[in-house]
Protein backbone atom coordinates (compact mmCIF):
# COMPACT_ATOMS: atom_id res chain seq x y z
CA UNK A 1 -4.50 -8.95 -4.29
CA UNK A 2 -2.32 -11.32 -6.22
CA UNK A 3 -0.14 -13.41 -3.92
CA UNK A 4 -2.80 -16.11 -3.61
CA UNK A 5 -2.30 -17.15 -7.27
CA UNK A 6 0.97 -18.89 -6.41
CA UNK A 7 2.75 -19.78 -3.21
CA UNK A 8 4.99 -16.97 -2.09
CA UNK A 9 8.59 -17.99 -1.90
CA UNK A 10 11.50 -15.92 -0.68
CA UNK A 11 11.92 -13.34 -3.41
CA UNK A 12 14.37 -10.61 -4.17
CA UNK A 13 13.90 -7.57 -2.04
CA UNK A 14 12.45 -4.30 -3.24
CA UNK A 15 14.48 -1.15 -2.78
CA UNK A 16 12.51 1.20 -0.55
CA UNK A 17 13.31 2.55 2.90
CA UNK A 18 9.86 3.53 4.17
CA UNK A 19 6.53 2.35 2.80
CA UNK A 20 5.92 4.50 -0.29
CA UNK A 21 2.67 6.44 0.01
CA UNK A 22 1.46 7.49 -3.43
CA UNK A 23 -1.01 10.28 -4.04
CA UNK A 24 -3.08 11.14 -7.09
CA UNK A 25 -5.74 13.78 -7.65
CA UNK A 26 -8.49 11.69 -6.01
CA UNK A 27 -6.64 8.86 -4.31
CA UNK A 28 -4.24 8.04 -1.52
CA UNK A 29 -2.35 4.77 -1.96
CA UNK A 30 -1.24 3.76 1.51
CA UNK A 31 -0.31 0.69 3.50
CA UNK A 32 -2.99 -1.84 4.37
CA UNK A 33 -4.13 -1.57 8.00
CA UNK A 34 -6.11 -3.81 10.39
CA UNK A 35 -8.81 -1.12 10.29
CA UNK A 36 -9.34 -2.11 6.62
CA UNK A 37 -10.42 -5.64 7.61
CA UNK A 38 -14.14 -5.29 6.90
CA UNK A 39 -13.48 -3.88 3.41
CA UNK A 40 -10.78 -6.50 2.74
CA UNK A 41 -13.28 -9.16 3.76
CA UNK A 42 -15.89 -7.65 1.42
CA UNK A 43 -13.33 -7.68 -1.40
CA UNK A 44 -12.01 -11.19 -0.81
CA UNK A 45 -15.45 -12.75 -0.23
CA UNK A 46 -17.21 -11.16 -3.22
CA UNK A 47 -18.29 -13.79 -5.77
CA UNK A 48 -18.12 -11.38 -8.71
CA UNK A 49 -14.52 -10.40 -7.95
CA UNK A 50 -13.38 -13.91 -7.04
CA UNK A 51 -14.64 -15.47 -10.27
CA UNK A 52 -11.61 -13.96 -12.00
CA UNK A 53 -9.02 -14.73 -9.32
CA UNK A 54 -7.58 -18.10 -8.38
CA UNK A 55 -7.70 -17.88 -4.61
CA UNK A 56 -9.58 -19.26 -1.66
CA UNK A 57 -12.63 -17.14 -0.92
CA UNK A 58 -12.64 -15.40 2.48
CA UNK A 59 -15.34 -16.84 4.72
CA UNK A 60 -14.91 -14.71 7.84
CA UNK A 61 -13.48 -11.44 9.06
CA UNK A 62 -10.66 -13.52 10.58
CA UNK A 63 -9.58 -14.43 7.04
CA UNK A 64 -9.24 -10.72 6.30
CA UNK A 65 -7.17 -10.08 9.43
CA UNK A 66 -4.94 -13.06 8.57
CA UNK A 67 -4.44 -11.75 5.04
CA UNK A 68 -3.55 -8.27 6.33
CA UNK A 69 -1.02 -9.79 8.72
CA UNK A 70 0.55 -11.96 5.97
CA UNK A 71 0.84 -8.95 3.71
CA UNK A 72 2.39 -6.85 6.47
CA UNK A 73 5.14 -9.45 6.90
CA UNK A 74 5.76 -9.68 3.15
CA UNK A 75 5.89 -5.89 2.78
CA UNK A 76 8.12 -5.55 5.86
CA UNK A 77 10.46 -8.09 4.24
CA UNK A 78 10.37 -5.93 1.08
CA UNK A 79 9.20 -8.87 -1.03
CA UNK A 80 6.05 -7.10 -2.27
CA UNK A 81 4.19 -3.84 -2.01
CA UNK A 82 0.45 -3.78 -1.43
CA UNK A 83 -1.33 -0.45 -1.43
CA UNK A 84 -4.78 0.15 -0.06
CA UNK A 85 -6.57 2.45 -2.51
CA UNK A 86 -8.31 5.14 -0.47
CA UNK A 87 -10.64 7.77 -1.90
CA UNK A 88 -9.29 11.01 -0.42
CA UNK A 89 -12.60 12.86 -0.26
CA UNK A 90 -14.32 10.19 1.87
CA UNK A 91 -11.33 8.26 3.28
CA UNK A 92 -13.06 5.11 1.99
CA UNK A 93 -11.16 1.93 1.15
CA UNK A 94 -11.92 1.20 -2.52
CA UNK A 95 -9.54 -1.67 -3.30
CA UNK A 96 -5.88 -2.53 -3.60
CA UNK A 97 -2.92 -2.53 -5.97
CA UNK A 98 0.01 -4.89 -5.63
CA UNK A 99 3.57 -5.19 -6.91
CA UNK A 100 4.95 -8.69 -6.38
CA UNK A 101 6.52 -11.73 -8.04
CA UNK A 102 9.91 -10.17 -8.71
CA UNK A 103 12.09 -11.58 -11.49
CA UNK A 104 15.47 -10.10 -10.60
CA UNK A 105 17.25 -11.47 -13.68
CA UNK A 106 14.77 -9.85 -16.10
CA UNK A 107 14.20 -6.81 -13.85
CA UNK A 108 10.46 -7.53 -14.01
CA UNK A 109 7.75 -7.27 -11.40
CA UNK A 110 4.10 -8.28 -11.54
CA UNK A 111 1.15 -6.08 -10.69
CA UNK A 112 -2.33 -7.04 -9.58
CA UNK A 113 -5.34 -5.00 -8.56
CA UNK A 114 -8.96 -5.21 -7.48
CA UNK A 115 -11.77 -2.84 -6.56
CA UNK A 116 -14.92 -3.18 -4.55
CA UNK A 117 -17.92 -3.22 -6.92
CA UNK A 118 -19.24 0.19 -5.86
CA UNK A 119 -15.98 1.82 -7.02
CA UNK A 120 -15.71 0.07 -10.39
CA UNK A 121 -16.31 2.00 -13.59
CA UNK A 122 -15.27 5.36 -12.11
CA UNK A 123 -11.66 5.54 -13.34
CA UNK A 124 -10.30 4.80 -9.87
CA UNK A 125 -8.12 1.84 -10.88
CA UNK A 126 -6.88 3.69 -13.95
CA UNK A 127 -5.74 6.51 -11.68
CA UNK A 128 -4.20 4.15 -9.11
CA UNK A 129 -2.38 1.90 -11.55
CA UNK A 130 -0.80 4.88 -13.31
CA UNK A 131 0.77 5.93 -10.00
CA UNK A 132 2.00 2.40 -9.28
CA UNK A 133 3.45 1.98 -12.78
CA UNK A 134 5.31 5.29 -12.44
CA UNK A 135 6.67 4.18 -9.06
CA UNK A 136 7.79 0.78 -10.41
CA UNK A 137 9.68 2.33 -13.30
CA UNK A 138 10.93 5.61 -11.82
CA UNK A 139 11.68 4.67 -8.21
CA UNK A 140 12.16 0.90 -8.19
CA UNK A 141 13.89 0.94 -11.61
CA UNK A 142 12.23 -2.15 -13.08
CA UNK A 143 12.54 -2.70 -16.84
CA UNK A 144 9.11 -4.31 -17.20
CA UNK A 145 5.83 -4.88 -15.40
CA UNK A 146 3.81 -8.05 -15.95
CA UNK A 147 0.07 -8.31 -15.39
CA UNK A 148 -2.21 -11.34 -15.54
CA UNK A 149 -5.93 -11.05 -16.20
CA UNK A 150 -8.76 -13.49 -16.88
CA UNK A 151 -9.81 -13.45 -20.54
CA UNK A 152 -13.38 -12.51 -19.53
CA UNK A 153 -12.46 -9.71 -17.11
CA UNK A 154 -13.13 -6.92 -19.58
CA UNK A 155 -12.64 -4.00 -17.14
CA UNK A 156 -9.20 -5.32 -16.13
CA UNK A 157 -8.23 -5.90 -19.75
CA UNK A 158 -9.25 -2.31 -20.55
CA UNK A 159 -7.06 -0.95 -17.72
CA UNK A 160 -4.09 -2.85 -19.13
CA UNK A 161 -4.81 -1.68 -22.68
CA UNK A 162 -5.16 1.97 -21.58
CA UNK A 163 -1.75 1.73 -19.94
CA UNK A 164 -0.03 0.28 -23.01
CA UNK A 165 0.45 -3.27 -21.69
CA UNK A 166 1.05 -5.66 -24.59
CA UNK A 167 -0.27 -9.21 -24.82
CA UNK A 168 2.50 -11.65 -23.92
CA UNK A 169 0.92 -15.12 -23.78
CA UNK A 170 -2.04 -17.26 -22.82
CA UNK A 171 -1.52 -19.11 -19.57
CA UNK A 172 -3.55 -21.70 -17.68
CA UNK A 173 -7.14 -21.32 -16.44
CA UNK A 174 -8.20 -18.80 -19.14
CA UNK A 175 -5.64 -16.29 -17.95
CA UNK A 176 -3.68 -13.97 -20.22
CA UNK A 177 -0.31 -12.43 -19.44
CA UNK A 178 0.58 -8.90 -20.50
CA UNK A 179 3.77 -6.90 -20.24
CA UNK A 180 4.66 -3.23 -20.15
CA UNK A 181 8.29 -2.44 -20.82
CA UNK A 182 9.86 0.75 -19.60
CA UNK A 183 10.50 1.72 -23.25
CA UNK A 184 6.71 1.49 -23.96
CA UNK A 185 5.81 3.43 -20.79
CA UNK A 186 4.12 6.75 -21.51
CA UNK A 187 3.59 8.86 -18.38
């Protein structure tokens, strides 16, 4: 859930009227709700997940509720989109996918994603990110999507590679930036 990497400033607004619910074969990508707080806390307090993300670790359920409230405001202001990734069969919260950090001049937006450990390695993020990429290009009309991943986060790097993201540059703290242009997008 990327906005912790940098301070959020007033960004360009996204063009959507109602929160876009995305559906795949196994997943429902929906808005984050207060009822997701315990799973959000599990995600944001997990040492294995946080070792790849530059953010303050959640220390209480109140941190999760505060994050959900901050994201609600940002989404309501159309500055970002954060989807809760829900497994349709069980209605379980598995993780999240984010579109944020809009560069209006370049028509670029950044994506970020994370999954609870029990859902990793099952193709869930691959399925979710494909839906978000399609939405960013087809509905929001961005020309490119940027993604940043830690050099040692092999599963995240594989998701980017599978979706045709190209290495862009090394950035600070062992992070690598990747980009997917609309011309390289293969649905």
